[in-house]
Amino acid sequence: MRLYWAITLFVIAALCWLPVVWLRIRLRGLARIAASRGQPLPLH
């Protein structure tokens, strides 16, 4: 039973991190585009 709760909590934690990882990937792309154009990051 403890293993079930450990796995459940791990899955919940992973689901909470997925949006963070997605935003990080998007920001990396924006930073690469801005750097290649020699411009600052967009504010919006």
N, C-alpha and C. Protein backbone atom coordinates (compact mmCIF):
# COMPACT_ATOMS: atom_id res chain seq x y z
N MET A 1 0.81 -1.20 0.00
CA MET A 1 0.00 0.00 0.00
C MET A 1 0.86 1.26 0.00
N ARG A 2 2.00 1.23 0.70
CA ARG A 2 2.88 2.39 0.72
C ARG A 2 3.47 2.68 -0.66
N LEU A 3 3.76 1.62 -1.39
CA LEU A 3 4.30 1.80 -2.74
C LEU A 3 3.27 2.49 -3.63
N TYR A 4 2.01 2.15 -3.48
CA TYR A 4 0.94 2.79 -4.25
C TYR A 4 0.93 4.30 -3.99
N TRP A 5 1.00 4.70 -2.73
CA TRP A 5 0.97 6.13 -2.41
C TRP A 5 2.23 6.83 -2.88
N ALA A 6 3.36 6.16 -2.80
CA ALA A 6 4.61 6.76 -3.27
C ALA A 6 4.55 7.00 -4.77
N ILE A 7 4.06 6.03 -5.51
CA ILE A 7 3.93 6.19 -6.96
C ILE A 7 2.91 7.26 -7.30
N THR A 8 1.81 7.30 -6.57
CA THR A 8 0.77 8.31 -6.81
C THR A 8 1.32 9.71 -6.58
N LEU A 9 2.03 9.92 -5.49
CA LEU A 9 2.60 11.23 -5.22
C LEU A 9 3.66 11.60 -6.25
N PHE A 10 4.43 10.64 -6.71
CA PHE A 10 5.42 10.89 -7.74
C PHE A 10 4.75 11.34 -9.04
N VAL A 11 3.66 10.69 -9.40
CA VAL A 11 2.93 11.05 -10.62
C VAL A 11 2.33 12.45 -10.49
N ILE A 12 1.79 12.77 -9.34
CA ILE A 12 1.23 14.11 -9.12
C ILE A 12 2.32 15.17 -9.25
N ALA A 13 3.47 14.91 -8.65
CA ALA A 13 4.58 15.86 -8.73
C ALA A 13 5.04 16.02 -10.18
N ALA A 14 5.11 14.93 -10.92
CA ALA A 14 5.51 15.00 -12.32
C ALA A 14 4.51 15.80 -13.14
N LEU A 15 3.23 15.62 -12.88
CA LEU A 15 2.20 16.37 -13.60
C LEU A 15 2.28 17.87 -13.30
N CYS A 16 2.68 18.21 -12.09
CA CYS A 16 2.84 19.63 -11.75
C CYS A 16 4.05 20.25 -12.46
N TRP A 17 5.05 19.45 -12.75
CA TRP A 17 6.26 19.97 -13.40
C TRP A 17 6.13 20.06 -14.92
N LEU A 18 5.20 19.35 -15.51
CA LEU A 18 5.07 19.38 -16.97
C LEU A 18 4.84 20.78 -17.52
N PRO A 19 3.96 21.60 -16.94
CA PRO A 19 3.82 22.96 -17.47
C PRO A 19 5.10 23.78 -17.34
N VAL A 20 5.85 23.56 -16.28
CA VAL A 20 7.10 24.28 -16.07
C VAL A 20 8.10 23.92 -17.18
N VAL A 21 8.20 22.66 -17.49
CA VAL A 21 9.11 22.21 -18.55
C VAL A 21 8.66 22.78 -19.90
N TRP A 22 7.37 22.78 -20.16
CA TRP A 22 6.85 23.32 -21.42
C TRP A 22 7.18 24.80 -21.55
N LEU A 23 6.98 25.57 -20.48
CA LEU A 23 7.33 26.99 -20.51
C LEU A 23 8.82 27.20 -20.71
N ARG A 24 9.62 26.39 -20.09
CA ARG A 24 11.08 26.49 -20.22
C ARG A 24 11.51 26.26 -21.66
N ILE A 25 10.91 25.29 -22.33
CA ILE A 25 11.24 25.00 -23.73
C ILE A 25 10.82 26.18 -24.61
N ARG A 26 9.64 26.75 -24.35
CA ARG A 26 9.18 27.91 -25.13
C ARG A 26 10.11 29.10 -24.94
N LEU A 27 10.51 29.36 -23.70
CA LEU A 27 11.40 30.49 -23.42
C LEU A 27 12.77 30.29 -24.06
N ARG A 28 13.23 29.06 -24.09
CA ARG A 28 14.51 28.80 -24.74
C ARG A 28 14.44 29.13 -26.22
N GLY A 29 13.33 28.76 -26.86
CA GLY A 29 13.15 29.09 -28.27
C GLY A 29 13.09 30.58 -28.51
N LEU A 30 12.35 31.29 -27.66
CA LEU A 30 12.28 32.75 -27.80
C LEU A 30 13.65 33.39 -27.61
N ALA A 31 14.41 32.89 -26.65
CA ALA A 31 15.74 33.44 -26.40
C ALA A 31 16.67 33.19 -27.59
N ARG A 32 16.58 32.02 -28.19
CA ARG A 32 17.42 31.73 -29.36
C ARG A 32 17.07 32.64 -30.54
N ILE A 33 15.78 32.86 -30.76
CA ILE A 33 15.36 33.74 -31.87
C ILE A 33 15.85 35.16 -31.61
N ALA A 34 15.65 35.65 -30.38
CA ALA A 34 16.08 37.01 -30.05
C ALA A 34 17.59 37.15 -30.19
N ALA A 35 18.34 36.16 -29.76
CA ALA A 35 19.80 36.23 -29.86
C ALA A 35 20.25 36.21 -31.31
N SER A 36 19.60 35.40 -32.13
CA SER A 36 20.01 35.33 -33.54
C SER A 36 19.71 36.63 -34.29
N ARG A 37 18.70 37.36 -33.81
CA ARG A 37 18.34 38.64 -34.44
C ARG A 37 19.05 39.82 -33.76
N GLY A 38 19.76 39.55 -32.68
CA GLY A 38 20.43 40.63 -31.95
C GLY A 38 19.47 41.56 -31.24
N GLN A 39 18.34 41.03 -30.83
CA GLN A 39 17.32 41.84 -30.18
C GLN A 39 17.07 41.34 -28.76
N PRO A 40 16.51 42.22 -27.90
CA PRO A 40 16.16 41.73 -26.55
C PRO A 40 14.94 40.82 -26.61
N LEU A 41 14.70 40.12 -25.53
CA LEU A 41 13.52 39.25 -25.44
C LEU A 41 12.26 40.10 -25.49
N PRO A 42 11.22 39.59 -26.12
CA PRO A 42 9.96 40.35 -26.16
C PRO A 42 9.36 40.47 -24.75
N LEU A 43 8.65 41.57 -24.51
CA LEU A 43 8.06 41.79 -23.19
C LEU A 43 6.69 41.16 -23.03
N HIS A 44 6.06 40.71 -24.10
CA HIS A 44 4.74 40.12 -23.97
C HIS A 44 4.74 38.66 -24.26
